[in-house]
């Protein structure tokens, strides 16, 4: 097993669903010149269909957590190419 996986921190069990969603939704990114953000429509559909969330507050929380993970991923990808991520 690669050292990066052996040294990975334990994830709080309450946060695993967001990490799993981030990975599941990564394939929904728009194709283009670079890596794009996961669309909110994909996040909301996932939360409703896969997680069964319907409460607006739960949906906002789901999007906020997945978006935070995605933002960090996009920053890391941008730094690999020496480019800053455009704000938007």
Protein backbone atom coordinates (compact mmCIF):
# COMPACT_ATOMS: atom_id res chain seq x y z
CA UNK A 1 0.00 0.00 0.00
CA UNK A 2 1.35 3.48 -0.85
CA UNK A 3 2.72 5.50 2.11
CA UNK A 4 0.22 8.28 1.46
CA UNK A 5 -2.61 5.84 2.23
CA UNK A 6 -0.84 4.28 5.19
CA UNK A 7 -0.26 7.72 6.73
CA UNK A 8 -3.75 9.05 5.98
CA UNK A 9 -5.54 10.53 8.99
CA UNK A 10 -8.66 8.88 10.36
CA UNK A 11 -11.80 10.60 9.17
CA UNK A 12 -14.53 11.47 11.60
CA UNK A 13 -17.35 8.96 10.88
CA UNK A 14 -19.86 11.82 10.56
CA UNK A 15 -17.86 13.29 7.69
CA UNK A 16 -17.40 10.14 5.62
CA UNK A 17 -20.60 10.71 3.66
CA UNK A 18 -19.25 14.03 2.36
CA UNK A 19 -15.91 12.49 1.36
CA UNK A 20 -17.71 9.63 -0.40
CA UNK A 21 -20.02 12.10 -2.16
CA UNK A 22 -17.04 14.18 -3.29
CA UNK A 23 -15.46 11.11 -4.87
CA UNK A 24 -18.73 9.93 -6.41
CA UNK A 25 -19.47 13.37 -7.84
CA UNK A 26 -16.00 14.06 -9.24
CA UNK A 27 -17.07 12.45 -12.51
CA UNK A 28 -19.76 15.11 -12.91
CA UNK A 29 -17.24 17.91 -13.40
CA UNK A 30 -17.59 19.86 -16.65
CA UNK A 31 -15.07 18.94 -19.31
CA UNK A 32 -12.97 21.74 -20.70
CA UNK A 33 -9.55 23.29 -20.68
CA UNK A 34 -9.04 22.59 -17.00
CA UNK A 35 -10.58 20.98 -13.95
CA UNK A 36 -13.96 22.50 -13.17
CA UNK A 37 -15.99 22.57 -9.97
CA UNK A 38 -18.61 19.93 -9.24
CA UNK A 39 -21.95 21.48 -10.27
CA UNK A 40 -24.36 22.31 -7.48
CA UNK A 41 -27.15 20.59 -9.41
CA UNK A 42 -25.18 17.33 -9.25
CA UNK A 43 -24.62 17.78 -5.50
CA UNK A 44 -28.29 18.43 -4.81
CA UNK A 45 -29.43 15.48 -6.93
CA UNK A 46 -26.94 13.22 -5.13
CA UNK A 47 -28.04 14.43 -1.70
CA UNK A 48 -31.70 13.83 -2.52
CA UNK A 49 -31.38 10.54 -4.41
CA UNK A 50 -28.45 8.81 -2.70
CA UNK A 51 -28.56 10.22 0.83
CA UNK A 52 -32.31 10.82 0.95
CA UNK A 53 -31.96 14.42 2.15
CA UNK A 54 -35.00 16.61 1.63
CA UNK A 55 -34.71 19.15 4.44
CA UNK A 56 -33.44 22.48 3.01
CA UNK A 57 -31.05 22.96 5.94
CA UNK A 58 -29.55 19.48 5.42
CA UNK A 59 -29.19 20.15 1.70
CA UNK A 60 -27.36 23.43 2.36
CA UNK A 61 -25.05 21.69 4.80
CA UNK A 62 -24.36 18.88 2.33
CA UNK A 63 -23.48 21.36 -0.45
CA UNK A 64 -21.35 23.44 1.93
CA UNK A 65 -19.27 20.43 3.04
CA UNK A 66 -18.84 18.91 -0.42
CA UNK A 67 -18.05 22.35 -1.87
CA UNK A 68 -15.35 22.88 0.80
CA UNK A 69 -13.67 19.59 -0.14
CA UNK A 70 -13.99 20.40 -3.84
CA UNK A 71 -12.50 23.88 -3.35
CA UNK A 72 -9.43 22.38 -1.68
CA UNK A 73 -9.13 19.84 -4.49
CA UNK A 74 -9.33 22.61 -7.11
CA UNK A 75 -6.67 24.65 -5.29
CA UNK A 76 -4.35 21.63 -5.24
CA UNK A 77 -4.96 21.00 -8.95
CA UNK A 78 -4.32 24.66 -9.79
CA UNK A 79 -1.06 24.66 -7.85
CA UNK A 80 0.15 21.64 -9.85
CA UNK A 81 -0.17 23.67 -13.04
CA UNK A 82 1.13 26.87 -11.48
CA UNK A 83 -2.20 28.54 -12.13
CA UNK A 84 -4.55 30.26 -9.74
CA UNK A 85 -8.16 29.11 -9.72
CA UNK A 86 -10.45 31.79 -11.09
CA UNK A 87 -12.93 33.09 -8.55
CA UNK A 88 -16.53 32.61 -9.38
